[in-house]
């Protein structure tokens, strides 16, 4: 008789543990090779990746970034935010932020559990951070985005994101 309550407690414990485990890391939904079947997109991404192994946070971007930003459509950029290459996900997101894409927060929320690391340099300092933190910073209260977070929202999200 004593075993039944113990079994129920164990069952409850394991079912709660499974619910926590369901918060999975970001999983890409489209492979880059599918995105790059379009020859124009393939050339732009290939040229960009040859010269950009990290994100430049310090000043003017290079010409390959300018081509990437100016020649890809919103639809193509949204697809790239779903590919398996973290650097491309971040740059596509950054471009959408710069274009004031109306559903940018929806894309941001999709990456809440995107822990893949991206490297970036700020002058002589090399930084490494998860994609989700890079994306959060693109929507900081000090950004030029129309859809940036308020200071209160941003602080709350920083507390949550940096402690996960």
N, C-alpha and C. Protein backbone atom coordinates (compact mmCIF):
# COMPACT_ATOMS: atom_id res chain seq x y z
N UNK A 1 0.81 -1.19 0.00
CA UNK A 1 0.00 0.00 0.00
C UNK A 1 0.86 1.26 0.00
N UNK A 2 1.99 1.21 0.70
CA UNK A 2 2.88 2.36 0.75
C UNK A 2 3.56 2.62 -0.59
N UNK A 3 3.62 1.61 -1.41
CA UNK A 3 4.27 1.74 -2.72
C UNK A 3 3.47 2.60 -3.69
N UNK A 4 2.17 2.58 -3.59
CA UNK A 4 1.32 3.34 -4.52
C UNK A 4 1.59 4.84 -4.43
N UNK A 5 1.60 5.45 -3.22
CA UNK A 5 1.91 6.89 -3.16
C UNK A 5 3.32 7.21 -3.66
N UNK A 6 4.26 6.33 -3.38
CA UNK A 6 5.63 6.55 -3.84
C UNK A 6 5.68 6.49 -5.36
N UNK A 7 4.97 5.53 -5.92
CA UNK A 7 4.94 5.40 -7.39
C UNK A 7 4.28 6.63 -8.02
N UNK A 8 3.20 7.11 -7.42
CA UNK A 8 2.53 8.31 -7.94
C UNK A 8 3.44 9.53 -7.88
N UNK A 9 4.16 9.67 -6.80
CA UNK A 9 5.10 10.80 -6.66
C UNK A 9 6.19 10.70 -7.72
N UNK A 10 6.74 9.52 -7.92
CA UNK A 10 7.77 9.33 -8.94
C UNK A 10 7.23 9.61 -10.34
N UNK A 11 6.03 9.15 -10.61
CA UNK A 11 5.41 9.38 -11.91
C UNK A 11 5.20 10.88 -12.15
N UNK A 12 4.72 11.56 -11.14
CA UNK A 12 4.52 13.01 -11.23
C UNK A 12 5.85 13.73 -11.45
N UNK A 13 6.87 13.31 -10.72
CA UNK A 13 8.19 13.92 -10.86
C UNK A 13 8.74 13.76 -12.27
N UNK A 14 8.66 12.56 -12.82
CA UNK A 14 9.20 12.32 -14.16
C UNK A 14 8.39 12.99 -15.24
N UNK A 15 7.07 13.11 -15.06
CA UNK A 15 6.27 13.81 -16.07
C UNK A 15 6.59 15.29 -16.06
N UNK A 16 6.86 15.88 -14.90
CA UNK A 16 7.27 17.30 -14.83
C UNK A 16 8.64 17.49 -15.46
N UNK A 17 9.53 16.54 -15.24
CA UNK A 17 10.87 16.64 -15.82
C UNK A 17 10.80 16.59 -17.34
N UNK A 18 9.90 15.80 -17.89
CA UNK A 18 9.76 15.71 -19.34
C UNK A 18 9.27 17.03 -19.92
N UNK A 19 8.37 17.71 -19.22
CA UNK A 19 7.87 19.00 -19.70
C UNK A 19 9.00 20.02 -19.77
N UNK A 20 9.89 20.01 -18.79
CA UNK A 20 11.03 20.92 -18.83
C UNK A 20 11.96 20.58 -20.00
N UNK A 21 12.14 19.32 -20.28
CA UNK A 21 13.05 18.90 -21.35
C UNK A 21 12.52 19.29 -22.72
N UNK A 22 11.22 19.57 -22.84
CA UNK A 22 10.65 19.91 -24.14
C UNK A 22 11.12 21.26 -24.65
N UNK A 23 11.69 22.10 -23.81
CA UNK A 23 12.23 23.38 -24.25
C UNK A 23 13.55 23.11 -24.97
N UNK A 24 13.44 22.80 -26.22
CA UNK A 24 14.60 22.41 -27.00
C UNK A 24 15.34 23.61 -27.56
N UNK A 25 16.57 23.36 -27.91
CA UNK A 25 17.36 24.38 -28.60
C UNK A 25 16.76 24.63 -29.97
N UNK A 26 17.09 25.76 -30.54
CA UNK A 26 16.64 26.12 -31.89
C UNK A 26 17.07 25.03 -32.87
N UNK A 27 16.18 24.66 -33.73
CA UNK A 27 16.47 23.70 -34.79
C UNK A 27 16.21 24.36 -36.14
N UNK A 28 17.19 24.40 -37.02
CA UNK A 28 16.97 24.98 -38.35
C UNK A 28 15.85 24.25 -39.08
N UNK A 29 15.08 25.00 -39.85
CA UNK A 29 13.98 24.38 -40.58
C UNK A 29 14.25 24.29 -42.07
N UNK A 30 15.32 24.90 -42.52
CA UNK A 30 15.66 24.85 -43.94
C UNK A 30 17.18 24.80 -44.07
N UNK A 31 17.66 23.94 -44.93
CA UNK A 31 19.10 23.83 -45.13
C UNK A 31 19.59 24.90 -46.10
N UNK A 32 20.79 25.36 -45.86
CA UNK A 32 21.37 26.38 -46.71
C UNK A 32 21.42 25.93 -48.16
N UNK A 33 21.67 24.65 -48.39
CA UNK A 33 21.74 24.17 -49.78
C UNK A 33 20.40 24.32 -50.49
N UNK A 34 19.30 24.30 -49.74
CA UNK A 34 17.99 24.54 -50.35
C UNK A 34 17.82 26.02 -50.70
N UNK A 35 18.29 26.88 -49.81
CA UNK A 35 18.18 28.33 -50.03
C UNK A 35 19.03 28.75 -51.23
N UNK A 36 20.19 28.15 -51.35
CA UNK A 36 21.14 28.57 -52.39
C UNK A 36 20.90 27.90 -53.73
N UNK A 37 19.79 27.23 -53.91
CA UNK A 37 19.45 26.70 -55.24
C UNK A 37 19.22 27.84 -56.22
N UNK A 38 18.80 28.96 -55.70
CA UNK A 38 18.65 30.17 -56.51
C UNK A 38 20.06 30.71 -56.76
N UNK A 39 20.47 30.82 -58.01
CA UNK A 39 21.84 31.21 -58.37
C UNK A 39 22.22 32.59 -57.84
N UNK A 40 21.31 33.53 -57.90
CA UNK A 40 21.59 34.89 -57.39
C UNK A 40 21.88 34.84 -55.89
N UNK A 41 21.04 34.14 -55.13
CA UNK A 41 21.22 34.01 -53.69
C UNK A 41 22.51 33.28 -53.38
N UNK A 42 22.79 32.23 -54.13
CA UNK A 42 24.02 31.46 -53.93
C UNK A 42 25.26 32.34 -54.08
N UNK A 43 25.31 33.14 -55.12
CA UNK A 43 26.47 34.01 -55.34
C UNK A 43 26.63 35.02 -54.21
N UNK A 44 25.53 35.65 -53.80
CA UNK A 44 25.59 36.66 -52.74
C UNK A 44 26.07 36.03 -51.43
N UNK A 45 25.50 34.90 -51.07
CA UNK A 45 25.89 34.25 -49.81
C UNK A 45 27.32 33.72 -49.89
N UNK A 46 27.68 33.13 -50.99
CA UNK A 46 29.04 32.59 -51.13
C UNK A 46 30.08 33.71 -51.02
N UNK A 47 29.87 34.80 -51.73
CA UNK A 47 30.80 35.94 -51.64
C UNK A 47 30.87 36.49 -50.22
N UNK A 48 29.73 36.57 -49.57
CA UNK A 48 29.69 37.07 -48.21
C UNK A 48 30.47 36.15 -47.26
N UNK A 49 30.25 34.86 -47.36
CA UNK A 49 30.90 33.91 -46.45
C UNK A 49 32.41 33.82 -46.67
N UNK A 50 32.88 34.08 -47.89
CA UNK A 50 34.32 34.02 -48.13
C UNK A 50 35.07 35.11 -47.38
N UNK A 51 34.43 36.25 -47.20
CA UNK A 51 35.13 37.38 -46.58
C UNK A 51 34.63 37.72 -45.18
N UNK A 52 33.60 37.07 -44.71
CA UNK A 52 33.03 37.39 -43.40
C UNK A 52 32.95 36.14 -42.54
N UNK A 53 33.95 35.95 -41.71
CA UNK A 53 33.93 34.80 -40.81
C UNK A 53 33.39 35.18 -39.44
N UNK A 54 33.16 36.48 -39.25
CA UNK A 54 32.61 36.96 -38.00
C UNK A 54 31.86 38.25 -38.26
N UNK A 55 31.18 38.72 -37.26
CA UNK A 55 30.37 39.93 -37.39
C UNK A 55 31.21 41.15 -37.03
N UNK A 56 31.09 42.18 -37.81
CA UNK A 56 31.79 43.43 -37.54
C UNK A 56 30.87 44.36 -36.77
N UNK A 57 31.23 44.66 -35.52
CA UNK A 57 30.40 45.53 -34.69
C UNK A 57 30.98 46.92 -34.55
N UNK A 58 32.06 47.20 -35.20
CA UNK A 58 32.77 48.44 -34.91
C UNK A 58 32.57 49.56 -35.92
N UNK A 59 32.12 49.32 -37.04
CA UNK A 59 32.04 50.43 -37.98
C UNK A 59 31.38 50.00 -39.26
N UNK A 60 31.81 50.58 -40.32
CA UNK A 60 31.23 50.31 -41.62
C UNK A 60 31.48 48.86 -42.02
N UNK A 61 30.46 48.25 -42.55
CA UNK A 61 30.58 46.88 -43.03
C UNK A 61 31.29 46.88 -44.38
N UNK A 62 31.75 45.73 -44.79
CA UNK A 62 32.45 45.62 -46.07
C UNK A 62 31.46 45.56 -47.24
N UNK A 63 31.99 45.58 -48.45
CA UNK A 63 31.13 45.63 -49.64
C UNK A 63 30.30 44.37 -49.79
N UNK A 64 30.80 43.21 -49.37
CA UNK A 64 30.03 41.98 -49.47
C UNK A 64 28.78 42.04 -48.58
N UNK A 65 28.93 42.66 -47.42
CA UNK A 65 27.76 42.83 -46.55
C UNK A 65 26.75 43.77 -47.22
N UNK A 66 27.25 44.83 -47.82
CA UNK A 66 26.35 45.78 -48.49
C UNK A 66 25.57 45.09 -49.61
N UNK A 67 26.24 44.22 -50.36
CA UNK A 67 25.57 43.46 -51.43
C UNK A 67 24.54 42.52 -50.81
N UNK A 68 24.91 41.83 -49.74
CA UNK A 68 24.01 40.94 -49.02
C UNK A 68 22.77 41.72 -48.58
N UNK A 69 22.98 42.84 -47.95
CA UNK A 69 21.89 43.65 -47.41
C UNK A 69 20.99 44.22 -48.50
N UNK A 70 21.58 44.68 -49.57
CA UNK A 70 20.82 45.39 -50.60
C UNK A 70 20.18 44.50 -51.67
N UNK A 71 20.66 43.28 -51.84
CA UNK A 71 20.20 42.47 -52.96
C UNK A 71 19.37 41.24 -52.60
N UNK A 72 19.17 40.99 -51.32
CA UNK A 72 18.31 39.88 -50.93
C UNK A 72 16.94 40.40 -50.53
N UNK A 73 15.91 39.67 -50.90
CA UNK A 73 14.55 40.08 -50.57
C UNK A 73 14.24 39.73 -49.12
N UNK A 74 13.15 40.28 -48.61
CA UNK A 74 12.73 39.94 -47.24
C UNK A 74 12.47 38.45 -47.12
N UNK A 75 11.83 37.88 -48.11
CA UNK A 75 11.53 36.44 -48.09
C UNK A 75 12.82 35.62 -48.01
N UNK A 76 13.81 36.00 -48.79
CA UNK A 76 15.10 35.28 -48.77
C UNK A 76 15.79 35.45 -47.41
N UNK A 77 15.74 36.64 -46.86
CA UNK A 77 16.36 36.89 -45.56
C UNK A 77 15.67 36.09 -44.45
N UNK A 78 14.35 36.02 -44.51
CA UNK A 78 13.61 35.24 -43.51
C UNK A 78 14.00 33.78 -43.60
N UNK A 79 14.15 33.25 -44.80
CA UNK A 79 14.60 31.87 -44.97
C UNK A 79 15.99 31.69 -44.36
N UNK A 80 16.86 32.64 -44.57
CA UNK A 80 18.23 32.53 -44.06
C UNK A 80 18.25 32.52 -42.53
N UNK A 81 17.29 33.22 -41.89
CA UNK A 81 17.25 33.18 -40.42
C UNK A 81 16.90 31.78 -39.90
N UNK A 82 16.47 30.91 -40.79
CA UNK A 82 16.12 29.54 -40.41
C UNK A 82 17.17 28.51 -40.82
N UNK A 83 18.28 28.94 -41.42
CA UNK A 83 19.27 27.97 -41.91
C UNK A 83 20.20 27.52 -40.79
N UNK A 84 21.05 26.57 -41.09
CA UNK A 84 21.91 25.95 -40.08
C UNK A 84 23.19 26.73 -39.78
N UNK A 85 23.45 27.83 -40.47
CA UNK A 85 24.69 28.60 -40.28
C UNK A 85 24.40 29.80 -39.35
N UNK A 86 24.90 29.75 -38.11
CA UNK A 86 24.58 30.81 -37.14
C UNK A 86 24.94 32.22 -37.61
N UNK A 87 26.10 32.38 -38.23
CA UNK A 87 26.51 33.70 -38.70
C UNK A 87 25.50 34.26 -39.72
N UNK A 88 25.07 33.43 -40.64
CA UNK A 88 24.09 33.88 -41.63
C UNK A 88 22.75 34.21 -41.00
N UNK A 89 22.35 33.42 -39.99
CA UNK A 89 21.10 33.73 -39.29
C UNK A 89 21.17 35.13 -38.67
N UNK A 90 22.30 35.43 -38.05
CA UNK A 90 22.47 36.74 -37.40
C UNK A 90 22.51 37.88 -38.40
N UNK A 91 23.25 37.72 -39.47
CA UNK A 91 23.36 38.79 -40.46
C UNK A 91 22.02 39.02 -41.15
N UNK A 92 21.29 37.96 -41.45
CA UNK A 92 19.96 38.12 -42.05
C UNK A 92 19.04 38.85 -41.07
N UNK A 93 19.12 38.49 -39.80
CA UNK A 93 18.30 39.16 -38.78
C UNK A 93 18.67 40.64 -38.69
N UNK A 94 19.97 40.91 -38.64
CA UNK A 94 20.44 42.29 -38.57
C UNK A 94 19.92 43.10 -39.76
N UNK A 95 19.96 42.51 -40.93
CA UNK A 95 19.47 43.18 -42.14
C UNK A 95 17.98 43.46 -42.04
N UNK A 96 17.22 42.49 -41.54
CA UNK A 96 15.78 42.70 -41.39
C UNK A 96 15.49 43.80 -40.36
N UNK A 97 16.29 43.88 -39.32
CA UNK A 97 16.14 44.96 -38.33
C UNK A 97 16.40 46.30 -39.00
N UNK A 98 17.46 46.38 -39.79
CA UNK A 98 17.80 47.62 -40.49
C UNK A 98 16.71 48.04 -41.47
N UNK A 99 16.01 47.05 -42.03
CA UNK A 99 14.93 47.34 -42.98
C UNK A 99 13.60 47.60 -42.28
N UNK A 100 13.59 47.54 -40.96
CA UNK A 100 12.38 47.76 -40.16
C UNK A 100 11.29 46.75 -40.51
N UNK A 101 11.70 45.49 -40.63
CA UNK A 101 10.76 44.41 -40.94
C UNK A 101 9.73 44.32 -39.81
N UNK A 102 8.47 44.36 -40.18
CA UNK A 102 7.37 44.49 -39.22
C UNK A 102 7.25 43.30 -38.27
N UNK A 103 7.60 42.10 -38.72
CA UNK A 103 7.47 40.90 -37.87
C UNK A 103 8.80 40.47 -37.26
N UNK A 104 9.68 41.42 -37.02
CA UNK A 104 11.02 41.09 -36.51
C UNK A 104 10.96 40.42 -35.13
N UNK A 105 10.03 40.84 -34.31
CA UNK A 105 9.93 40.22 -32.97
C UNK A 105 9.47 38.76 -33.06
N UNK A 106 8.67 38.46 -34.04
CA UNK A 106 8.24 37.07 -34.24
C UNK A 106 9.46 36.21 -34.58
N UNK A 107 10.33 36.72 -35.44
CA UNK A 107 11.56 35.99 -35.77
C UNK A 107 12.44 35.88 -34.53
N UNK A 108 12.56 36.99 -33.80
CA UNK A 108 13.35 36.98 -32.57
C UNK A 108 12.84 35.90 -31.61
N UNK A 109 11.53 35.84 -31.41
CA UNK A 109 10.95 34.84 -30.49
C UNK A 109 11.22 33.42 -30.94
N UNK A 110 11.35 33.22 -32.22
CA UNK A 110 11.67 31.89 -32.76
C UNK A 110 13.06 31.44 -32.31
N UNK A 111 13.92 32.40 -31.98
CA UNK A 111 15.32 32.09 -31.64
C UNK A 111 15.61 32.20 -30.14
N UNK A 112 14.58 32.18 -29.33
CA UNK A 112 14.77 32.29 -27.88
C UNK A 112 15.71 31.21 -27.35
N UNK A 113 15.70 30.04 -27.95
CA UNK A 113 16.58 28.95 -27.51
C UNK A 113 17.69 28.67 -28.52
N UNK A 114 18.14 29.70 -29.20
CA UNK A 114 19.22 29.56 -30.20
C UNK A 114 20.56 29.84 -29.52
N UNK A 115 21.19 28.77 -29.05
CA UNK A 115 22.43 28.89 -28.29
C UNK A 115 23.69 28.75 -29.14
N UNK A 116 23.54 28.60 -30.44
CA UNK A 116 24.72 28.49 -31.30
C UNK A 116 25.55 29.77 -31.14
N UNK A 117 26.86 29.62 -31.12
CA UNK A 117 27.74 30.77 -30.91
C UNK A 117 28.15 31.42 -32.23
N UNK A 118 28.22 32.74 -32.19
CA UNK A 118 28.74 33.51 -33.32
C UNK A 118 29.88 34.36 -32.80
N UNK A 119 30.87 34.55 -33.66
CA UNK A 119 32.01 35.39 -33.30
C UNK A 119 31.84 36.76 -33.95
N UNK A 120 32.28 37.75 -33.24
CA UNK A 120 32.24 39.09 -33.78
C UNK A 120 33.41 39.88 -33.24
N UNK A 121 33.80 40.90 -33.97
CA UNK A 121 34.88 41.72 -33.46
C UNK A 121 34.43 43.16 -33.30
N UNK A 122 34.92 43.74 -32.24
CA UNK A 122 34.67 45.13 -31.95
C UNK A 122 36.05 45.76 -31.83
N UNK A 123 36.49 46.41 -32.88
CA UNK A 123 37.86 46.90 -33.02
C UNK A 123 38.81 45.73 -32.83
N UNK A 124 39.62 45.71 -31.79
CA UNK A 124 40.61 44.64 -31.62
C UNK A 124 40.13 43.51 -30.70
N UNK A 125 38.92 43.58 -30.23
CA UNK A 125 38.40 42.58 -29.30
C UNK A 125 37.53 41.58 -30.05
N UNK A 126 37.81 40.30 -29.86
CA UNK A 126 37.01 39.24 -30.47
C UNK A 126 36.02 38.74 -29.42
N UNK A 127 34.75 38.75 -29.76
CA UNK A 127 33.70 38.33 -28.84
C UNK A 127 33.02 37.07 -29.37
N UNK A 128 32.45 36.32 -28.48
CA UNK A 128 31.66 35.15 -28.88
C UNK A 128 30.39 35.16 -28.02
N UNK A 129 29.25 35.02 -28.69
CA UNK A 129 27.99 35.05 -27.95
C UNK A 129 26.95 34.19 -28.67
N UNK A 130 25.94 33.75 -27.94
CA UNK A 130 24.87 32.98 -28.58
C UNK A 130 24.07 33.85 -29.55
N UNK A 131 23.50 33.21 -30.54
CA UNK A 131 22.68 33.90 -31.54
C UNK A 131 21.57 34.69 -30.85
N UNK A 132 20.94 34.10 -29.85
CA UNK A 132 19.82 34.76 -29.18
C UNK A 132 20.25 36.08 -28.54
N UNK A 133 21.46 36.16 -28.02
CA UNK A 133 21.96 37.39 -27.40
C UNK A 133 22.27 38.42 -28.49
N UNK A 134 22.86 37.98 -29.59
CA UNK A 134 23.11 38.89 -30.70
C UNK A 134 21.81 39.51 -31.17
N UNK A 135 20.79 38.67 -31.36
CA UNK A 135 19.50 39.16 -31.84
C UNK A 135 18.84 40.09 -30.83
N UNK A 136 18.94 39.75 -29.57
CA UNK A 136 18.39 40.62 -28.52
C UNK A 136 19.05 42.00 -28.59
N UNK A 137 20.35 42.03 -28.75
CA UNK A 137 21.07 43.31 -28.80
C UNK A 137 20.71 44.14 -30.03
N UNK A 138 20.29 43.48 -31.10
CA UNK A 138 19.86 44.23 -32.29
C UNK A 138 18.57 45.00 -32.02
N UNK A 139 17.82 44.57 -31.02
CA UNK A 139 16.56 45.22 -30.67
C UNK A 139 16.65 45.99 -29.35
N UNK A 140 17.86 46.36 -28.99
CA UNK A 140 18.06 47.09 -27.73
C UNK A 140 17.39 48.47 -27.81
N UNK A 141 17.14 49.09 -26.68
CA UNK A 141 16.51 50.41 -26.68
C UNK A 141 17.35 51.47 -27.40
N UNK A 142 18.61 51.19 -27.61
CA UNK A 142 19.50 52.16 -28.25
C UNK A 142 19.69 51.89 -29.74
N UNK A 143 19.00 50.88 -30.25
CA UNK A 143 19.10 50.59 -31.68
C UNK A 143 18.21 51.54 -32.47
N UNK A 144 18.38 51.52 -33.77
CA UNK A 144 17.56 52.36 -34.65
C UNK A 144 16.29 51.67 -35.11
N UNK A 145 16.03 50.49 -34.60
CA UNK A 145 14.86 49.72 -35.02
C UNK A 145 13.56 50.38 -34.57
N UNK A 146 12.58 50.36 -35.43
CA UNK A 146 11.25 50.83 -35.06
C UNK A 146 10.61 49.88 -34.05
N UNK A 147 11.10 48.66 -34.00
CA UNK A 147 10.49 47.63 -33.16
C UNK A 147 11.38 47.23 -31.99
N UNK A 148 12.23 48.15 -31.56
CA UNK A 148 13.14 47.89 -30.45
C UNK A 148 12.36 47.74 -29.15
N UNK A 149 13.01 47.13 -28.17
CA UNK A 149 12.40 46.95 -26.86
C UNK A 149 12.57 48.22 -26.03
N UNK A 150 11.63 48.43 -25.14
CA UNK A 150 11.79 49.53 -24.19
C UNK A 150 12.92 49.16 -23.22
N UNK A 151 13.40 50.12 -22.47
CA UNK A 151 14.48 49.83 -21.51
C UNK A 151 14.03 48.79 -20.49
N UNK A 152 12.81 48.90 -20.04
CA UNK A 152 12.28 47.96 -19.05
C UNK A 152 12.19 46.55 -19.64
N UNK A 153 11.64 46.43 -20.85
CA UNK A 153 11.52 45.13 -21.52
C UNK A 153 12.91 44.53 -21.75
N UNK A 154 13.82 45.38 -22.21
CA UNK A 154 15.16 44.91 -22.54
C UNK A 154 15.89 44.39 -21.29
N UNK A 155 15.80 45.12 -20.20
CA UNK A 155 16.45 44.68 -18.95
C UNK A 155 15.88 43.34 -18.48
N UNK A 156 14.56 43.22 -18.57
CA UNK A 156 13.92 41.97 -18.16
C UNK A 156 14.42 40.81 -19.03
N UNK A 157 14.48 41.05 -20.33
CA UNK A 157 14.94 40.00 -21.24
C UNK A 157 16.42 39.68 -21.01
N UNK A 158 17.21 40.70 -20.75
CA UNK A 158 18.63 40.44 -20.46
C UNK A 158 18.76 39.55 -19.24
N UNK A 159 18.00 39.86 -18.20
CA UNK A 159 18.05 39.04 -16.99
C UNK A 159 17.68 37.59 -17.29
N UNK A 160 16.64 37.39 -18.08
CA UNK A 160 16.22 36.04 -18.43
C UNK A 160 17.23 35.35 -19.32
N UNK A 161 17.70 36.03 -20.35
CA UNK A 161 18.57 35.40 -21.36
C UNK A 161 19.97 35.12 -20.84
N UNK A 162 20.50 36.03 -20.06
CA UNK A 162 21.86 35.83 -19.60
C UNK A 162 21.92 34.79 -18.49
N UNK A 163 20.80 34.52 -17.84
CA UNK A 163 20.79 33.55 -16.75
C UNK A 163 20.36 32.16 -17.20
N UNK A 164 20.01 31.99 -18.47
CA UNK A 164 19.63 30.66 -18.97
C UNK A 164 20.85 29.89 -19.37
